[in-house]
């Protein structure tokens, strides 16, 4: 089928025609800056807040 072959060729050569546009810049920033930054922020805010080691029944997980 010529349409499938044309689609496959387009997919294989996509990197040759790539340009940074405002949309691709925004997607890149979200993927490589904002998402890891949000994960780091949440991890640093909750670090050492919970203690799962040696808890007994009825004891809370939040460190005082």
PDB file of N, CA and C in Angstrom:
ATOM      1  N   UNK A   1       0.847  -1.184   0.000  1.00  0.00           N
ATOM      2  CA  UNK A   1       0.000   0.000   0.000  1.00  0.00           C
ATOM      3  C   UNK A   1       0.890   1.243   0.000  1.00  0.00           C
ATOM      4  N   UNK A   2       0.752   2.119  -0.953  1.00  0.00           N
ATOM      5  CA  UNK A   2       1.599   3.312  -1.033  1.00  0.00           C
ATOM      6  C   UNK A   2       1.400   4.279   0.136  1.00  0.00           C
ATOM      7  N   UNK A   3       0.193   4.347   0.677  1.00  0.00           N
ATOM      8  CA  UNK A   3      -0.042   5.262   1.795  1.00  0.00           C
ATOM      9  C   UNK A   3       0.728   4.823   3.035  1.00  0.00           C
ATOM     10  N   UNK A   4       0.784   3.537   3.285  1.00  0.00           N
ATOM     11  CA  UNK A   4       1.532   3.020   4.436  1.00  0.00           C
ATOM     12  C   UNK A   4       3.020   3.257   4.252  1.00  0.00           C
ATOM     13  N   UNK A   5       3.507   3.045   3.049  1.00  0.00           N
ATOM     14  CA  UNK A   5       4.933   3.286   2.780  1.00  0.00           C
ATOM     15  C   UNK A   5       5.278   4.761   2.945  1.00  0.00           C
ATOM     16  N   UNK A   6       4.411   5.650   2.473  1.00  0.00           N
ATOM     17  CA  UNK A   6       4.640   7.079   2.619  1.00  0.00           C
ATOM     18  C   UNK A   6       4.626   7.476   4.102  1.00  0.00           C
ATOM     19  N   UNK A   7       3.703   6.908   4.869  1.00  0.00           N
ATOM     20  CA  UNK A   7       3.630   7.199   6.299  1.00  0.00           C
ATOM     21  C   UNK A   7       4.878   6.697   7.012  1.00  0.00           C
ATOM     22  N   UNK A   8       5.341   5.499   6.680  1.00  0.00           N
ATOM     23  CA  UNK A   8       6.560   4.962   7.290  1.00  0.00           C
ATOM     24  C   UNK A   8       7.775   5.820   6.953  1.00  0.00           C
ATOM     25  N   UNK A   9       7.874   6.266   5.724  1.00  0.00           N
ATOM     26  CA  UNK A   9       8.990   7.122   5.329  1.00  0.00           C
ATOM     27  C   UNK A   9       8.956   8.451   6.087  1.00  0.00           C
ATOM     28  N   UNK A  10       7.754   9.007   6.269  1.00  0.00           N
ATOM     29  CA  UNK A  10       7.628  10.247   7.028  1.00  0.00           C
ATOM     30  C   UNK A  10       8.077  10.038   8.471  1.00  0.00           C
ATOM     31  N   UNK A  11       7.692   8.937   9.087  1.00  0.00           N
ATOM     32  CA  UNK A  11       8.068   8.657  10.474  1.00  0.00           C
ATOM     33  C   UNK A  11       9.580   8.443  10.608  1.00  0.00           C
ATOM     34  N   UNK A  12      10.197   7.785   9.640  1.00  0.00           N
ATOM     35  CA  UNK A  12      11.633   7.527   9.689  1.00  0.00           C
ATOM     36  C   UNK A  12      12.455   8.790   9.470  1.00  0.00           C
ATOM     37  N   UNK A  13      11.945   9.751   8.728  1.00  0.00           N
ATOM     38  CA  UNK A  13      12.689  10.965   8.411  1.00  0.00           C
ATOM     39  C   UNK A  13      12.230  12.185   9.203  1.00  0.00           C
ATOM     40  N   UNK A  14      11.485  11.989  10.264  1.00  0.00           N
ATOM     41  CA  UNK A  14      10.945  13.122  11.028  1.00  0.00           C
ATOM     42  C   UNK A  14      12.052  13.983  11.610  1.00  0.00           C
ATOM     43  N   UNK A  15      13.144  13.376  12.058  1.00  0.00           N
ATOM     44  CA  UNK A  15      14.234  14.150  12.673  1.00  0.00           C
ATOM     45  C   UNK A  15      14.913  15.079  11.664  1.00  0.00           C
ATOM     46  N   UNK A  16      14.837  14.773  10.397  1.00  0.00           N
ATOM     47  CA  UNK A  16      15.479  15.611   9.382  1.00  0.00           C
ATOM     48  C   UNK A  16      14.751  16.937   9.184  1.00  0.00           C
ATOM     49  N   UNK A  17      13.474  16.970   9.521  1.00  0.00           N
ATOM     50  CA  UNK A  17      12.654  18.151   9.269  1.00  0.00           C
ATOM     51  C   UNK A  17      12.208  18.842  10.550  1.00  0.00           C
ATOM     52  N   UNK A  18      12.788  18.462  11.694  1.00  0.00           N
ATOM     53  CA  UNK A  18      12.372  19.034  12.975  1.00  0.00           C
ATOM     54  C   UNK A  18      12.863  20.469  13.123  1.00  0.00           C
ATOM     55  N   UNK A  19      12.000  21.335  13.673  1.00  0.00           N
ATOM     56  CA  UNK A  19      12.366  22.709  13.987  1.00  0.00           C
ATOM     57  C   UNK A  19      11.815  23.046  15.364  1.00  0.00           C
ATOM     58  N   UNK A  20      12.546  23.918  16.073  1.00  0.00           N
ATOM     59  CA  UNK A  20      12.012  24.417  17.329  1.00  0.00           C
ATOM     60  C   UNK A  20      11.034  25.538  17.024  1.00  0.00           C
ATOM     61  N   UNK A  21       9.794  25.299  17.320  1.00  0.00           N
ATOM     62  CA  UNK A  21       8.742  26.299  17.197  1.00  0.00           C
ATOM     63  C   UNK A  21       8.298  26.655  18.613  1.00  0.00           C
ATOM     64  N   UNK A  22       7.460  27.648  18.793  1.00  0.00           N
ATOM     65  CA  UNK A  22       6.986  27.942  20.150  1.00  0.00           C
ATOM     66  C   UNK A  22       6.331  26.732  20.820  1.00  0.00           C
ATOM     67  N   UNK A  23       5.607  25.940  20.060  1.00  0.00           N
ATOM     68  CA  UNK A  23       4.942  24.768  20.637  1.00  0.00           C
ATOM     69  C   UNK A  23       5.954  23.707  21.039  1.00  0.00           C
ATOM     70  N   UNK A  24       6.915  23.394  20.186  1.00  0.00           N
ATOM     71  CA  UNK A  24       7.890  22.364  20.543  1.00  0.00           C
ATOM     72  C   UNK A  24       8.810  22.829  21.661  1.00  0.00           C
ATOM     73  N   UNK A  25       9.071  24.131  21.741  1.00  0.00           N
ATOM     74  CA  UNK A  25       9.853  24.662  22.850  1.00  0.00           C
ATOM     75  C   UNK A  25       9.090  24.487  24.153  1.00  0.00           C
ATOM     76  N   UNK A  26       7.798  24.773  24.148  1.00  0.00           N
ATOM     77  CA  UNK A  26       6.980  24.620  25.339  1.00  0.00           C
ATOM     78  C   UNK A  26       6.920  23.156  25.785  1.00  0.00           C
ATOM     79  N   UNK A  27       6.742  22.240  24.845  1.00  0.00           N
ATOM     80  CA  UNK A  27       6.692  20.817  25.181  1.00  0.00           C
ATOM     81  C   UNK A  27       8.036  20.363  25.754  1.00  0.00           C
ATOM     82  N   UNK A  28       9.129  20.843  25.182  1.00  0.00           N
ATOM     83  CA  UNK A  28      10.460  20.497  25.676  1.00  0.00           C
ATOM     84  C   UNK A  28      10.670  21.021  27.088  1.00  0.00           C
ATOM     85  N   UNK A  29      10.273  22.260  27.340  1.00  0.00           N
ATOM     86  CA  UNK A  29      10.419  22.827  28.684  1.00  0.00           C
ATOM     87  C   UNK A  29       9.591  22.045  29.700  1.00  0.00           C
ATOM     88  N   UNK A  30       8.394  21.679  29.335  1.00  0.00           N
ATOM     89  CA  UNK A  30       7.555  20.903  30.256  1.00  0.00           C
ATOM     90  C   UNK A  30       8.183  19.553  30.566  1.00  0.00           C
ATOM     91  N   UNK A  31       8.690  18.897  29.553  1.00  0.00           N
ATOM     92  CA  UNK A  31       9.222  17.558  29.742  1.00  0.00           C
ATOM     93  C   UNK A  31      10.561  17.503  30.431  1.00  0.00           C
ATOM     94  N   UNK A  32      11.411  18.494  30.209  1.00  0.00           N
ATOM     95  CA  UNK A  32      12.774  18.422  30.729  1.00  0.00           C
ATOM     96  C   UNK A  32      13.062  19.391  31.865  1.00  0.00           C
ATOM     97  N   UNK A  33      12.165  20.330  32.143  1.00  0.00           N
ATOM     98  CA  UNK A  33      12.412  21.290  33.221  1.00  0.00           C
ATOM     99  C   UNK A  33      11.300  21.236  34.259  1.00  0.00           C
ATOM    100  N   UNK A  34      10.055  21.438  33.844  1.00  0.00           N
ATOM    101  CA  UNK A  34       8.963  21.579  34.795  1.00  0.00           C
ATOM    102  C   UNK A  34       8.611  20.271  35.497  1.00  0.00           C
ATOM    103  N   UNK A  35       8.523  19.180  34.773  1.00  0.00           N
ATOM    104  CA  UNK A  35       8.163  17.903  35.391  1.00  0.00           C
ATOM    105  C   UNK A  35       9.233  17.442  36.381  1.00  0.00           C
ATOM    106  N   UNK A  36      10.526  17.394  36.016  1.00  0.00           N
ATOM    107  CA  UNK A  36      11.525  17.027  37.018  1.00  0.00           C
ATOM    108  C   UNK A  36      11.602  18.023  38.170  1.00  0.00           C
ATOM    109  N   UNK A  37      11.394  19.308  37.880  1.00  0.00           N
ATOM    110  CA  UNK A  37      11.393  20.306  38.949  1.00  0.00           C
ATOM    111  C   UNK A  37      10.262  20.079  39.938  1.00  0.00           C
ATOM    112  N   UNK A  38       9.091  19.736  39.445  1.00  0.00           N
ATOM    113  CA  UNK A  38       7.957  19.453  40.323  1.00  0.00           C
ATOM    114  C   UNK A  38       8.203  18.203  41.150  1.00  0.00           C
ATOM    115  N   UNK A  39       8.776  17.191  40.541  1.00  0.00           N
ATOM    116  CA  UNK A  39       9.092  15.965  41.284  1.00  0.00           C
ATOM    117  C   UNK A  39      10.123  16.251  42.360  1.00  0.00           C
ATOM    118  N   UNK A  40      11.145  17.023  42.043  1.00  0.00           N
ATOM    119  CA  UNK A  40      12.160  17.380  43.036  1.00  0.00           C
ATOM    120  C   UNK A  40      11.546  18.200  44.169  1.00  0.00           C
ATOM    121  N   UNK A  41      10.681  19.148  43.841  1.00  0.00           N
ATOM    122  CA  UNK A  41      10.048  19.976  44.857  1.00  0.00           C
ATOM    123  C   UNK A  41       9.213  19.121  45.812  1.00  0.00           C
ATOM    124  N   UNK A  42       8.395  18.227  45.258  1.00  0.00           N
ATOM    125  CA  UNK A  42       7.573  17.373  46.111  1.00  0.00           C
ATOM    126  C   UNK A  42       8.419  16.428  46.951  1.00  0.00           C
ATOM    127  N   UNK A  43       9.485  15.906  46.371  1.00  0.00           N
ATOM    128  CA  UNK A  43      10.360  15.001  47.126  1.00  0.00           C
ATOM    129  C   UNK A  43      11.067  15.732  48.254  1.00  0.00           C
ATOM    130  N   UNK A  44      11.497  16.959  48.020  1.00  0.00           N
ATOM    131  CA  UNK A  44      12.204  17.694  49.064  1.00  0.00           C
ATOM    132  C   UNK A  44      11.251  18.148  50.172  1.00  0.00           C
ATOM    133  N   UNK A  45       9.984  18.412  49.831  1.00  0.00           N
ATOM    134  CA  UNK A  45       9.020  18.818  50.850  1.00  0.00           C
ATOM    135  C   UNK A  45       8.572  17.649  51.729  1.00  0.00           C
ATOM    136  N   UNK A  46       8.569  16.442  51.199  1.00  0.00           N
ATOM    137  CA  UNK A  46       8.090  15.294  51.975  1.00  0.00           C
ATOM    138  C   UNK A  46       9.225  14.422  52.502  1.00  0.00           C
ATOM    139  N   UNK A  47      10.461  14.792  52.234  1.00  0.00           N
ATOM    140  CA  UNK A  47      11.597  14.021  52.713  1.00  0.00           C
ATOM    141  C   UNK A  47      11.624  14.022  54.241  1.00  0.00           C
ATOM    142  N   UNK A  48      11.763  12.878  54.830  1.00  0.00           N
ATOM    143  CA  UNK A  48      11.814  12.675  56.286  1.00  0.00           C
ATOM    144  C   UNK A  48      10.524  13.071  56.998  1.00  0.00           C
ATOM    145  N   UNK A  49       9.442  13.234  56.277  1.00  0.00           N
ATOM    146  CA  UNK A  49       8.163  13.540  56.919  1.00  0.00           C
ATOM    147  C   UNK A  49       7.503  12.262  57.419  1.00  0.00           C
ATOM    148  N   UNK A  50       7.694  11.187  56.673  1.00  0.00           N
ATOM    149  CA  UNK A  50       7.082   9.914  57.017  1.00  0.00           C
ATOM    150  C   UNK A  50       8.163   8.952  57.477  1.00  0.00           C
ATOM    151  N   UNK A  51       7.841   8.156  58.500  1.00  0.00           N
ATOM    152  CA  UNK A  51       8.772   7.126  58.964  1.00  0.00           C
ATOM    153  C   UNK A  51       8.032   5.797  59.020  1.00  0.00           C
ATOM    154  N   UNK A  52       8.409   4.894  58.154  1.00  0.00           N
ATOM    155  CA  UNK A  52       7.751   3.595  58.075  1.00  0.00           C
ATOM    156  C   UNK A  52       8.482   2.544  58.901  1.00  0.00           C
ATOM    157  N   UNK A  53       9.675   2.834  59.353  1.00  0.00           N
ATOM    158  CA  UNK A  53      10.495   1.825  60.031  1.00  0.00           C
ATOM    159  C   UNK A  53      10.040   1.648  61.482  1.00  0.00           C
ATOM    160  N   UNK A  54       9.797   0.427  61.886  1.00  0.00           N
ATOM    161  CA  UNK A  54       9.520   0.091  63.276  1.00  0.00           C
ATOM    162  C   UNK A  54       8.210   0.625  63.818  1.00  0.00           C
ATOM    163  N   UNK A  55       7.228   0.823  62.993  1.00  0.00           N
ATOM    164  CA  UNK A  55       5.946   1.313  63.483  1.00  0.00           C
ATOM    165  C   UNK A  55       5.118   0.140  63.986  1.00  0.00           C
ATOM    166  N   UNK A  56       4.419   0.376  65.085  1.00  0.00           N
ATOM    167  CA  UNK A  56       3.534  -0.640  65.637  1.00  0.00           C
ATOM    168  C   UNK A  56       2.095  -0.273  65.320  1.00  0.00           C
ATOM    169  N   UNK A  57       1.232  -1.216  65.557  1.00  0.00           N
ATOM    170  CA  UNK A  57      -0.192  -0.998  65.324  1.00  0.00           C
ATOM    171  C   UNK A  57      -0.671   0.138  66.227  1.00  0.00           C
ATOM    172  N   UNK A  58      -1.327   1.117  65.616  1.00  0.00           N
ATOM    173  CA  UNK A  58      -1.863   2.233  66.372  1.00  0.00           C
ATOM    174  C   UNK A  58      -0.953   3.465  66.403  1.00  0.00           C
ATOM    175  N   UNK A  59       0.292   3.352  66.009  1.00  0.00           N
ATOM    176  CA  UNK A  59       1.195   4.488  65.981  1.00  0.00           C
ATOM    177  C   UNK A  59       1.057   5.231  64.653  1.00  0.00           C
ATOM    178  N   UNK A  60       1.235   6.523  64.685  1.00  0.00           N
ATOM    179  CA  UNK A  60       1.130   7.322  63.475  1.00  0.00           C
ATOM    180  C   UNK A  60       2.418   7.257  62.661  1.00  0.00           C
ATOM    181  N   UNK A  61       2.310   7.593  61.386  1.00  0.00           N
ATOM    182  CA  UNK A  61       3.459   7.588  60.493  1.00  0.00           C
ATOM    183  C   UNK A  61       4.183   8.940  60.466  1.00  0.00           C
ATOM    184  N   UNK A  62       3.462  10.008  60.840  1.00  0.00           N
ATOM    185  CA  UNK A  62       4.053  11.343  60.765  1.00  0.00           C
ATOM    186  C   UNK A  62       5.004  11.537  61.940  1.00  0.00           C
ATOM    187  N   UNK A  63       6.219  11.975  61.647  1.00  0.00           N
ATOM    188  CA  UNK A  63       7.196  12.224  62.701  1.00  0.00           C
ATOM    189  C   UNK A  63       6.853  13.532  63.405  1.00  0.00           C
ATOM    190  N   UNK A  64       7.002  13.516  64.690  1.00  0.00           N
ATOM    191  CA  UNK A  64       6.700  14.730  65.471  1.00  0.00           C
ATOM    192  C   UNK A  64       7.891  15.622  65.612  1.00  0.00           C
TER     193      UNK A  64
END
